[in-house]
Amino acid sequence: MIKVFSILLLLVINIFICGDNVQAISNRSDVNQDLNVGTVDAMLVLKKSLGLSMVGSGWVSTPNTGDTDCSSSVTSVDAMFLLRYSIGLSMIGTNWCVEDNDYGSELLTDTVLYWPVPDVTKPDYLSSYVDPIFSTIVTRIVGNPGEAIPNISGEVWPDEQLRHGYSKRQPWNSDESMIFLDRISPDVWLDGETYEVLFTRNKPGSRVRWSMTESEYMYYVDASSKAIGKWHVVNDTTTQVVDLSGYDDITFGKGEGNFTWDGEKVAIIAKRDSDSHEVVFIVNVKTGVKEPDIDMDGIVDEVNNCTISPLGNYIVASTDISGNNDILMIIDANSRAITLIETDRGIPSHFDVQIDQDGDEIVAGVAKTEVTRNGVFVESGTIIKRKLLTGEMSVISDKRYASHTSGRSINESGWVYVTYHNRNPSYPPYVGEVVKVKLDGTEIRRVASLHAIKFDYYSEPHAVPSPSGSRVMWASDWENNDYPVQAYVADYR
């Protein structure tokens, strides 16, 4: 029956091939990210639903690509919905769940005005206020030091760090129903909407990452068994998925590595037991396959961190070479050849990977050195983008001085989130703010005042968006210049 339906759908698609000029909505509908939703997308979704290879098809894989009815799977029903939408028929009454969620479209986009951080009373635990400048709803999602942690018997909120881990470590799970705070003791998991404490768990390994596609699962590195495992966080059950015998010091990119957007591959940094060389390699957690080592010995002094690109075509690393630190390196993930080694520090630094408006995999971050590349001059402290295929550089925000960049809004390609935790009015206008930067450099949206004074590394705000890009989390001492440093969320849905 499904085969017959699919053949009929193919015929209908060919009849209505003129419907390819509908404006793109999201990765759910614009599956090849050509900025149009139409019959081509319907054809690709049908092909995917039949289990055919999508290699070379233009399919841009993300956790929800093609799932137009939000059923967590891609079927011929999704293809039919796309066809119906592309020819202009009403979607009312169907299970079509795709909406034009351009989160933050009403945020301030002024790139000139400087607003000093406003005087706002620190909100109570689970209380909110409206940012007086940016109109976002800000909520404190952790309690006060020494007070009992709700739903966790015998535990109290710690004295110093009550926060998420880093701008490149996603605290929300794939459907944003849970939050994991990993720079806190004990580890806590929160409700993703109410921010109430759900439970604590003893991690099965030293490093954990949310699955990109399965909301109740995390992946972990188990140092004792030298393996990567899959952990059902709610049921607290584990399964080993990749054997890494023969390696030590195994990490997800030394704390800054993430999975491909389809949730299958991740770049690992480890020490090889046979010769103690530092190596980088890719593992596929779906198939259990480990790819060959990329030996860094004699090439770099050290790999500081690395991550795989959204579609899995590149490994992007920060390295130390010949005594120079924070040197960008790009590696072709298929050939394992090094395609770019920068010669200057931090071009970019504190970076993350994303997909830009052209559909290209990129790395974006803060420039730490004044340089000229491909005819483009950049000042230190500005935000730059580099295409991973060519290394081509462009400036996407010329305002200084930025600190950290996050591309964790994987369900809204084309944006990165930038923390400007500097409090120096000599670098206007984004003083003590988090902003949302479009990767083509055409727009900046100002999200919230951070109320954070940096007094050590752990007091840095490290802003990170949710997968949908509808909320941003950061850490703040709330103008106290001392601990505690606590987690806050700005919501602009």
Protein backbone atom coordinates (compact mmCIF):
# COMPACT_ATOMS: atom_id res chain seq x y z
CA MET A 1 0.00 0.00 0.00
CA ILE A 2 2.82 2.40 0.90
CA LYS A 3 4.61 1.57 -2.37
CA VAL A 4 1.50 2.36 -4.40
CA PHE A 5 0.98 5.61 -2.48
CA SER A 6 4.59 6.59 -3.11
CA ILE A 7 4.32 6.01 -6.85
CA LEU A 8 1.15 8.11 -6.99
CA LEU A 9 2.83 10.84 -4.99
CA LEU A 10 5.73 10.91 -7.44
CA LEU A 11 3.30 11.41 -10.30
CA VAL A 12 1.52 14.22 -8.48
CA ILE A 13 4.82 15.91 -7.66
CA ASN A 14 5.81 15.93 -11.33
CA ILE A 15 2.46 17.50 -12.22
CA PHE A 16 2.90 20.31 -9.70
CA ILE A 17 6.58 20.99 -10.33
CA CYS A 18 5.78 24.72 -10.60
CA GLY A 19 5.30 24.97 -6.83
CA ASP A 20 8.94 25.54 -5.93
CA ASN A 21 8.84 29.20 -4.97
CA VAL A 22 7.32 29.10 -1.50
CA GLN A 23 9.35 30.89 1.19
CA ALA A 24 11.41 28.63 3.44
CA ILE A 25 10.19 28.02 6.97
CA SER A 26 12.66 25.74 8.77
CA ASN A 27 14.83 22.66 8.44
CA ARG A 28 11.66 20.60 8.85
CA SER A 29 10.33 21.87 5.53
CA ASP A 30 13.26 23.34 3.59
CA VAL A 31 15.17 20.07 3.65
CA ASN A 32 17.89 21.13 1.19
CA GLN A 33 18.17 24.67 2.63
CA ASP A 34 17.86 26.41 -0.73
CA LEU A 35 15.55 29.03 0.84
CA ASN A 36 12.50 27.60 -0.93
CA VAL A 37 9.91 25.08 0.22
CA GLY A 38 8.45 23.17 -2.68
CA THR A 39 8.15 19.97 -4.64
CA VAL A 40 11.91 19.36 -4.61
CA ASP A 41 11.72 19.13 -0.82
CA ALA A 42 8.72 16.80 -1.10
CA MET A 43 10.68 14.54 -3.47
CA LEU A 44 13.66 14.43 -1.12
CA VAL A 45 11.46 13.60 1.88
CA LEU A 46 9.82 10.81 -0.07
CA LYS A 47 13.22 9.45 -1.01
CA LYS A 48 14.31 9.56 2.64
CA SER A 49 11.09 7.84 3.77
CA LEU A 50 11.82 4.94 1.41
CA GLY A 51 15.21 4.41 3.03
CA LEU A 52 17.22 5.43 -0.04
CA SER A 53 20.66 7.03 0.22
CA MET A 54 20.62 10.84 0.53
CA VAL A 55 24.29 11.21 -0.45
CA GLY A 56 24.65 13.93 -3.06
CA SER A 57 20.96 14.81 -2.92
CA GLY A 58 21.28 18.17 -1.14
CA TRP A 59 19.55 16.81 1.98
CA VAL A 60 20.74 18.88 4.97
CA SER A 61 20.61 16.55 7.94
CA THR A 62 19.46 17.95 11.28
CA PRO A 63 17.51 16.25 14.09
CA ASN A 64 14.17 17.31 12.57
CA THR A 65 14.86 17.56 8.83
CA GLY A 66 11.75 16.53 6.89
CA ASP A 67 9.65 15.75 9.95
CA THR A 68 6.80 18.10 9.04
CA ASP A 69 4.23 16.46 11.34
CA CYS A 70 6.57 16.31 14.39
CA SER A 71 6.18 12.54 14.69
CA SER A 72 9.93 12.07 15.29
CA SER A 73 10.25 10.13 12.03
CA VAL A 74 10.25 10.91 8.31
CA THR A 75 7.50 9.16 6.34
CA SER A 76 5.55 9.54 3.11
CA VAL A 77 3.00 11.53 5.14
CA ASP A 78 5.63 14.26 5.55
CA ALA A 79 6.22 14.24 1.79
CA MET A 80 2.49 14.62 1.13
CA PHE A 81 2.31 17.54 3.57
CA LEU A 82 5.21 19.23 1.78
CA LEU A 83 3.51 18.75 -1.57
CA ARG A 84 0.25 20.16 -0.22
CA TYR A 85 2.03 23.17 1.24
CA SER A 86 4.09 23.81 -1.90
CA ILE A 87 1.00 24.17 -4.13
CA GLY A 88 -0.55 26.67 -1.75
CA LEU A 89 -3.24 24.55 -0.09
CA SER A 90 -4.31 25.27 3.51
CA MET A 91 -2.61 23.21 6.22
CA ILE A 92 -5.41 23.92 8.72
CA GLY A 93 -6.82 20.69 10.15
CA THR A 94 -3.72 18.65 9.30
CA ASN A 95 -0.91 17.55 11.61
CA TRP A 96 1.49 19.94 9.88
CA CYS A 97 3.56 21.29 12.77
CA VAL A 98 5.93 23.60 10.91
CA GLU A 99 5.55 27.25 11.77
CA ASP A 100 7.54 30.31 10.84
CA ASN A 101 9.35 30.44 14.15
CA ASP A 102 11.76 33.25 13.47
CA TYR A 103 12.63 33.53 17.13
CA GLY A 104 13.90 36.95 18.08
CA SER A 105 12.47 38.77 15.07
CA GLU A 106 11.12 41.46 17.42
CA LEU A 107 14.37 41.93 19.32
CA LEU A 108 16.23 45.22 19.06
CA THR A 109 18.52 45.32 16.04
CA ASP A 110 20.18 48.70 16.64
CA THR A 111 23.95 48.51 16.12
CA VAL A 112 24.85 52.00 17.38
CA LEU A 113 23.17 52.83 20.68
CA TYR A 114 25.02 51.97 23.88
CA TRP A 115 22.95 51.21 26.95
CA PRO A 116 24.73 50.85 30.31
CA VAL A 117 23.76 47.67 32.13
CA PRO A 118 20.50 48.61 33.88
CA ASP A 119 20.06 48.51 37.64
CA VAL A 120 17.83 45.46 38.16
CA THR A 121 17.25 43.62 41.43
CA LYS A 122 18.46 40.05 41.26
CA PRO A 123 15.41 37.81 40.73
CA ASP A 124 14.53 35.12 43.25
CA TYR A 125 14.82 31.43 42.41
CA LEU A 126 12.37 30.55 39.59
CA SER A 127 11.27 34.17 39.42
CA SER A 128 11.34 36.28 36.26
CA TYR A 129 11.53 39.90 35.18
CA VAL A 130 11.29 41.71 31.85
CA ASP A 131 14.62 43.09 30.69
CA PRO A 132 14.02 46.88 30.75
CA ILE A 133 16.05 47.44 27.56
CA PHE A 134 15.52 44.34 25.45
CA SER A 135 12.06 43.21 26.68
CA THR A 136 13.03 39.55 26.99
CA ILE A 137 11.80 37.51 29.95
CA VAL A 138 14.71 36.58 32.21
CA THR A 139 14.43 33.79 34.80
CA ARG A 140 16.86 32.58 37.45
CA ILE A 141 16.78 28.78 37.20
CA VAL A 142 18.90 27.80 40.25
CA GLY A 143 18.53 28.40 43.97
CA ASN A 144 20.59 30.04 46.70
CA PRO A 145 23.73 28.52 48.24
CA GLY A 146 22.99 26.33 51.26
CA GLU A 147 19.26 26.01 50.58
CA ALA A 148 17.76 22.59 49.93
CA ILE A 149 17.62 21.48 46.30
CA PRO A 150 13.98 20.56 45.57
CA ASN A 151 13.29 16.88 44.78
CA ILE A 152 16.81 15.78 45.79
CA SER A 153 16.89 14.52 49.36
CA GLY A 154 19.73 15.72 51.55
CA GLU A 155 21.35 17.99 48.94
CA VAL A 156 21.76 21.76 49.05
CA TRP A 157 22.67 24.27 46.35
CA PRO A 158 26.49 24.72 46.34
CA ASP A 159 28.29 27.89 47.40
CA GLU A 160 30.03 28.92 44.18
CA GLN A 161 29.07 27.44 40.80
CA LEU A 162 25.39 26.84 40.07
CA ARG A 163 25.50 26.93 36.29
CA HIS A 164 25.84 25.25 32.90
CA GLY A 165 29.20 24.22 31.53
CA TYR A 166 30.20 26.24 28.49
CA SER A 167 28.98 28.09 25.41
CA LYS A 168 29.63 25.03 23.21
CA ARG A 169 28.01 22.48 25.54
CA GLN A 170 24.26 22.33 24.99
CA PRO A 171 22.37 22.28 28.33
CA TRP A 172 18.97 21.55 26.69
CA ASN A 173 18.11 18.14 25.27
CA SER A 174 16.92 17.74 21.66
CA ASP A 175 13.26 18.65 22.25
CA GLU A 176 14.04 21.16 25.04
CA SER A 177 12.06 19.20 27.61
CA MET A 178 15.06 18.87 29.96
CA ILE A 179 18.13 20.89 30.97
CA PHE A 180 21.40 19.47 32.28
CA LEU A 181 23.58 21.72 34.46
CA ASP A 182 27.06 20.24 34.47
CA ARG A 183 29.04 22.84 36.40
CA ILE A 184 27.31 22.22 39.70
CA SER A 185 27.49 19.64 42.48
CA PRO A 186 25.49 17.49 42.46
CA ASP A 187 24.65 17.36 38.74
CA VAL A 188 21.03 18.35 38.25
CA TRP A 189 18.49 17.85 35.50
CA LEU A 190 15.73 20.45 35.24
CA ASP A 191 12.36 20.59 33.52
CA GLY A 192 13.06 22.37 30.25
CA GLU A 193 10.01 24.63 30.54
CA THR A 194 9.37 25.27 34.24
CA TYR A 195 13.06 24.95 35.26
CA GLU A 196 12.04 22.93 38.33
CA VAL A 197 14.50 20.27 39.48
CA LEU A 198 13.66 16.80 38.15
CA PHE A 199 16.45 14.59 39.58
CA THR A 200 20.16 14.04 40.02
CA ARG A 201 22.21 11.16 38.64
CA ASN A 202 25.67 9.69 39.03
CA LYS A 203 27.14 10.03 35.54
CA PRO A 204 28.27 6.70 34.07
CA GLY A 205 31.39 8.36 32.65
CA SER A 206 33.53 11.43 33.04
CA ARG A 207 32.13 13.26 30.00
CA VAL A 208 28.53 13.40 28.80
CA ARG A 209 26.67 14.96 25.86
CA TRP A 210 22.98 15.04 25.01
CA SER A 211 21.92 12.98 22.02
CA MET A 212 21.11 15.31 19.14
CA THR A 213 17.97 13.36 18.21
CA GLU A 214 16.77 11.30 21.21
CA SER A 215 15.52 13.45 24.06
CA GLU A 216 16.07 11.04 26.96
CA TYR A 217 19.55 9.85 25.98
CA MET A 218 23.07 11.09 26.54
CA TYR A 219 26.43 9.75 25.35
CA TYR A 220 29.37 9.36 27.71
CA VAL A 221 33.06 8.51 27.78
CA ASP A 222 33.92 5.71 30.21
CA ALA A 223 37.60 6.02 31.11
CA SER A 224 37.74 2.72 33.03
CA SER A 225 36.38 0.53 30.23
CA LYS A 226 37.79 2.76 27.47
CA ALA A 227 34.53 3.06 25.61
CA ILE A 228 31.76 5.39 24.57
CA GLY A 229 28.34 4.48 25.89
CA LYS A 230 24.72 5.51 25.50
CA TRP A 231 22.82 6.44 28.66
CA HIS A 232 19.06 6.56 29.11
CA VAL A 233 19.07 9.38 31.64
CA VAL A 234 15.51 8.91 32.94
CA ASN A 235 15.76 5.12 33.40
CA ASP A 236 19.46 5.34 34.33
CA THR A 237 20.49 2.44 32.07
CA THR A 238 23.61 2.26 29.89
CA THR A 239 24.81 0.47 26.76
CA GLN A 240 28.35 0.46 25.37
CA VAL A 241 28.35 1.57 21.72
CA VAL A 242 32.01 2.06 20.72
CA ASP A 243 35.03 0.11 22.02
CA LEU A 244 38.10 2.35 22.31
CA SER A 245 40.56 -0.13 23.78
CA GLY A 246 44.11 1.00 23.07
CA TYR A 247 43.47 4.65 23.95
CA ASP A 248 43.63 6.77 27.08
CA ASP A 249 42.59 10.31 28.04
CA ILE A 250 39.54 9.98 25.78
CA THR A 251 37.42 13.12 25.48
CA PHE A 252 34.73 14.71 23.31
CA GLY A 253 37.16 17.24 21.86
CA LYS A 254 38.59 18.13 25.29
CA GLY A 255 35.27 19.49 26.48
CA GLU A 256 34.39 21.45 23.32
CA GLY A 257 33.37 18.69 20.91
CA ASN A 258 29.85 18.13 19.64
CA PHE A 259 28.07 15.61 17.46
CA THR A 260 27.02 16.03 13.85
CA TRP A 261 23.50 17.38 13.59
CA ASP A 262 22.13 13.93 12.68
CA GLY A 263 23.53 12.68 15.99
CA GLU A 264 25.75 10.01 14.45
CA LYS A 265 29.39 11.14 14.54
CA VAL A 266 31.69 12.89 16.99
CA ALA A 267 35.38 13.82 16.98
CA ILE A 268 37.48 12.34 19.77
CA ILE A 269 40.84 13.49 21.16
CA ALA A 270 42.78 10.71 22.88
CA LYS A 271 46.26 9.42 23.68
CA ARG A 272 47.23 6.23 21.83
CA ASP A 273 48.60 3.61 24.20
CA SER A 274 51.08 2.13 21.73
CA ASP A 275 53.20 5.27 21.32
CA SER A 276 51.61 7.91 23.62
CA HIS A 277 50.87 10.09 20.61
CA GLU A 278 47.95 12.50 20.77
CA VAL A 279 45.47 11.52 18.07
CA VAL A 280 42.14 12.73 16.74
CA PHE A 281 39.57 10.39 15.23
CA ILE A 282 35.88 10.16 14.43
CA VAL A 283 33.50 7.59 15.85
CA ASN A 284 30.00 6.75 14.66
CA VAL A 285 27.83 6.02 17.68
CA LYS A 286 25.04 4.61 15.50
CA THR A 287 27.18 1.96 13.80
CA GLY A 288 29.85 1.57 16.49
CA VAL A 289 32.57 2.23 13.91
CA LYS A 290 35.80 4.03 14.82
CA GLU A 291 37.54 5.74 11.92
CA PRO A 292 41.37 5.79 11.50
CA ASP A 293 43.58 7.95 13.70
CA ILE A 294 44.84 11.36 12.68
CA ASP A 295 48.24 11.47 14.39
CA MET A 296 49.02 14.95 15.72
CA ASP A 297 52.56 14.08 16.83
CA GLY A 298 55.11 16.28 15.07
CA ILE A 299 52.38 18.49 13.59
CA VAL A 300 51.20 20.35 16.70
CA ASP A 301 52.47 20.79 20.22
CA GLU A 302 48.97 20.09 21.50
CA VAL A 303 45.37 20.00 20.34
CA ASN A 304 43.54 22.33 22.72
CA ASN A 305 40.08 21.32 21.55
CA CYS A 306 38.22 20.18 18.46
CA THR A 307 34.75 19.46 17.11
CA ILE A 308 33.21 17.88 14.04
CA SER A 309 31.23 20.09 11.67
CA PRO A 310 27.40 19.95 11.50
CA LEU A 311 27.29 17.68 8.43
CA GLY A 312 30.40 15.73 9.34
CA ASN A 313 32.66 16.91 6.52
CA TYR A 314 35.33 18.62 8.64
CA ILE A 315 37.08 18.57 11.99
CA VAL A 316 37.81 22.05 13.36
CA ALA A 317 40.53 22.37 16.00
CA SER A 318 42.33 24.94 18.11
CA THR A 319 45.98 23.93 18.41
CA ASP A 320 49.35 25.04 19.76
CA ILE A 321 52.07 24.96 17.10
CA SER A 322 55.75 25.84 17.56
CA GLY A 323 54.98 27.73 20.74
CA ASN A 324 52.13 29.72 19.20
CA ASN A 325 48.78 29.07 20.84
CA ASP A 326 45.16 29.06 19.63
CA ILE A 327 45.98 28.28 16.00
CA LEU A 328 43.01 27.26 13.85
CA MET A 329 43.28 23.94 12.02
CA ILE A 330 40.75 22.46 9.59
CA ILE A 331 40.86 18.77 8.68
CA ASP A 332 38.91 17.08 5.90
CA ALA A 333 36.97 14.38 7.76
CA ASN A 334 36.82 12.05 4.75
CA SER A 335 40.43 12.15 3.55
CA ARG A 336 41.82 13.07 6.99
CA ALA A 337 44.05 15.63 5.26
CA ILE A 338 44.78 18.96 6.93
CA THR A 339 43.32 21.60 4.61
CA LEU A 340 44.18 24.74 6.61
CA ILE A 341 46.63 25.69 9.34
CA GLU A 342 46.42 29.33 10.36
CA THR A 343 49.59 31.30 10.97
CA ASP A 344 48.14 33.79 13.46
CA ARG A 345 46.53 33.33 16.83
CA GLY A 346 42.75 33.11 17.19
CA ILE A 347 41.50 33.50 13.62
CA PRO A 348 38.98 32.77 15.04
CA SER A 349 39.08 31.89 18.74
CA HIS A 350 36.35 30.75 21.16
CA PHE A 351 34.57 29.50 18.05
CA ASP A 352 31.71 27.21 17.18
CA VAL A 353 30.52 25.59 13.95
CA GLN A 354 27.27 26.20 12.11
CA ILE A 355 25.68 26.27 8.63
CA ASP A 356 25.34 29.68 6.98
CA GLN A 357 22.71 31.15 4.66
CA ASP A 358 24.53 29.67 1.64
CA GLY A 359 24.28 26.18 3.11
CA ASP A 360 28.04 26.09 3.76
CA GLU A 361 29.57 24.63 6.90
CA ILE A 362 31.43 27.38 8.71
CA VAL A 363 33.34 28.23 11.86
CA ALA A 364 32.63 31.55 13.60
CA GLY A 365 34.26 33.21 16.57
CA VAL A 366 36.18 36.19 17.89
CA ALA A 367 39.32 37.42 16.12
CA LYS A 368 42.29 37.64 18.47
CA THR A 369 44.79 39.13 15.99
CA GLU A 370 44.58 41.91 13.42
CA VAL A 371 45.05 40.22 10.05
CA THR A 372 44.03 40.38 6.41
CA ARG A 373 42.75 37.25 4.69
CA ASN A 374 41.35 36.97 1.16
CA GLY A 375 41.40 40.77 1.02
CA VAL A 376 39.39 41.20 4.23
CA PHE A 377 40.94 43.09 7.15
CA VAL A 378 39.77 42.22 10.65
CA GLU A 379 40.38 43.90 13.99
CA SER A 380 40.83 41.92 17.17
CA GLY A 381 37.61 41.56 19.13
CA THR A 382 35.34 41.41 16.08
CA ILE A 383 33.34 38.32 15.03
CA ILE A 384 34.53 36.54 11.93
CA LYS A 385 33.26 33.61 9.87
CA ARG A 386 35.31 31.17 7.82
CA LYS A 387 33.92 28.73 5.29
CA LEU A 388 35.34 25.31 6.10
CA LEU A 389 35.62 24.26 2.45
CA THR A 390 37.81 27.17 1.37
CA GLY A 391 38.94 29.00 4.52
CA GLU A 392 37.43 32.19 3.09
CA MET A 393 36.97 34.79 5.83
CA SER A 394 34.38 37.50 6.36
CA VAL A 395 33.45 39.85 9.21
CA ILE A 396 29.92 39.34 10.51
CA SER A 397 30.08 41.78 13.42
CA ASP A 398 32.62 44.60 13.44
CA LYS A 399 31.80 45.67 17.02
CA ARG A 400 34.33 44.97 19.75
CA TYR A 401 35.05 43.31 22.14
CA ALA A 402 33.42 39.88 21.91
CA SER A 403 34.34 36.87 24.04
CA HIS A 404 32.53 33.56 23.31
CA THR A 405 30.51 32.26 20.38
CA SER A 406 27.88 29.50 20.29
CA GLY A 407 26.27 27.79 17.32
CA ARG A 408 24.19 25.38 19.41
CA SER A 409 20.86 26.56 17.92
CA ILE A 410 21.01 23.65 15.51
CA ASN A 411 17.34 23.91 14.52
CA GLU A 412 17.83 27.43 13.19
CA SER A 413 20.86 27.35 10.93
CA GLY A 414 22.30 30.69 9.91
CA TRP A 415 22.91 32.27 13.33
CA VAL A 416 25.47 32.30 16.12
CA TYR A 417 25.14 33.75 19.63
CA VAL A 418 27.87 36.00 20.95
CA THR A 419 28.72 36.92 24.53
CA TYR A 420 30.04 40.44 25.05
CA HIS A 421 30.93 40.22 28.71
CA ASN A 422 33.22 43.24 28.60
CA ARG A 423 32.00 46.14 30.77
CA ASN A 424 34.21 48.77 29.17
CA PRO A 425 32.17 51.55 27.50
CA SER A 426 35.14 52.12 25.19
CA TYR A 427 33.83 49.15 23.17
CA PRO A 428 30.22 50.09 22.44
CA PRO A 429 27.50 49.24 21.83
CA TYR A 430 27.28 45.65 23.11
CA VAL A 431 28.59 46.16 26.62
CA GLY A 432 27.63 43.34 28.99
CA GLU A 433 25.18 41.81 26.51
CA VAL A 434 24.42 38.62 24.63
CA VAL A 435 23.47 39.08 20.97
CA LYS A 436 22.31 36.93 18.08
CA VAL A 437 24.39 37.40 14.90
CA LYS A 438 23.23 36.41 11.42
CA LEU A 439 25.96 34.55 9.58
CA ASP A 440 25.66 36.61 6.41
CA GLY A 441 26.48 39.70 8.49
CA THR A 442 23.21 41.48 7.68
CA GLU A 443 21.58 41.54 11.12
CA ILE A 444 22.30 41.51 14.84
CA ARG A 445 19.59 40.96 17.45
CA ARG A 446 20.25 42.09 21.01
CA VAL A 447 18.92 39.58 23.55
CA ALA A 448 19.62 40.62 27.14
CA SER A 449 21.93 42.32 29.63
CA LEU A 450 24.14 39.74 31.34
CA HIS A 451 24.60 41.46 34.74
CA ALA A 452 27.90 39.61 34.95
CA ILE A 453 31.30 40.80 36.15
CA LYS A 454 34.15 38.52 35.17
CA PHE A 455 36.45 37.92 38.14
CA ASP A 456 37.73 34.46 37.13
CA TYR A 457 37.15 31.90 34.37
CA TYR A 458 34.09 30.33 36.01
CA SER A 459 32.40 33.70 36.31
CA GLU A 460 32.41 34.17 32.53
CA PRO A 461 28.81 34.13 31.21
CA HIS A 462 29.35 31.63 28.32
CA ALA A 463 25.97 32.30 26.71
CA VAL A 464 24.42 29.34 24.85
CA PRO A 465 21.10 29.15 22.94
CA SER A 466 18.54 26.36 23.08
CA PRO A 467 18.32 24.12 19.97
CA SER A 468 15.40 26.14 18.59
CA GLY A 469 17.14 29.46 19.21
CA SER A 470 14.15 30.66 21.24
CA ARG A 471 16.02 31.00 24.55
CA VAL A 472 19.53 31.76 25.76
CA MET A 473 21.23 30.61 28.97
CA TRP A 474 24.18 32.29 30.65
CA ALA A 475 25.94 32.49 34.02
CA SER A 476 26.08 35.60 36.19
CA ASP A 477 27.31 36.79 39.57
CA TRP A 478 24.68 39.57 39.30
CA GLU A 479 27.04 42.50 39.70
CA ASN A 480 28.57 41.09 42.88
CA ASN A 481 32.14 40.50 41.65
CA ASP A 482 32.13 37.29 43.66
CA TYR A 483 30.42 33.94 43.97
CA PRO A 484 27.80 32.57 43.66
CA VAL A 485 27.65 32.42 39.87
CA GLN A 486 24.19 31.26 38.85
CA ALA A 487 22.33 30.28 35.68
CA TYR A 488 19.75 32.52 33.99
CA VAL A 489 17.60 32.10 30.88
CA ALA A 490 16.27 34.81 28.54
CA ASP A 491 13.08 33.77 26.71
CA TYR A 492 11.73 35.57 23.62
CA ARG A 493 9.21 33.09 22.25
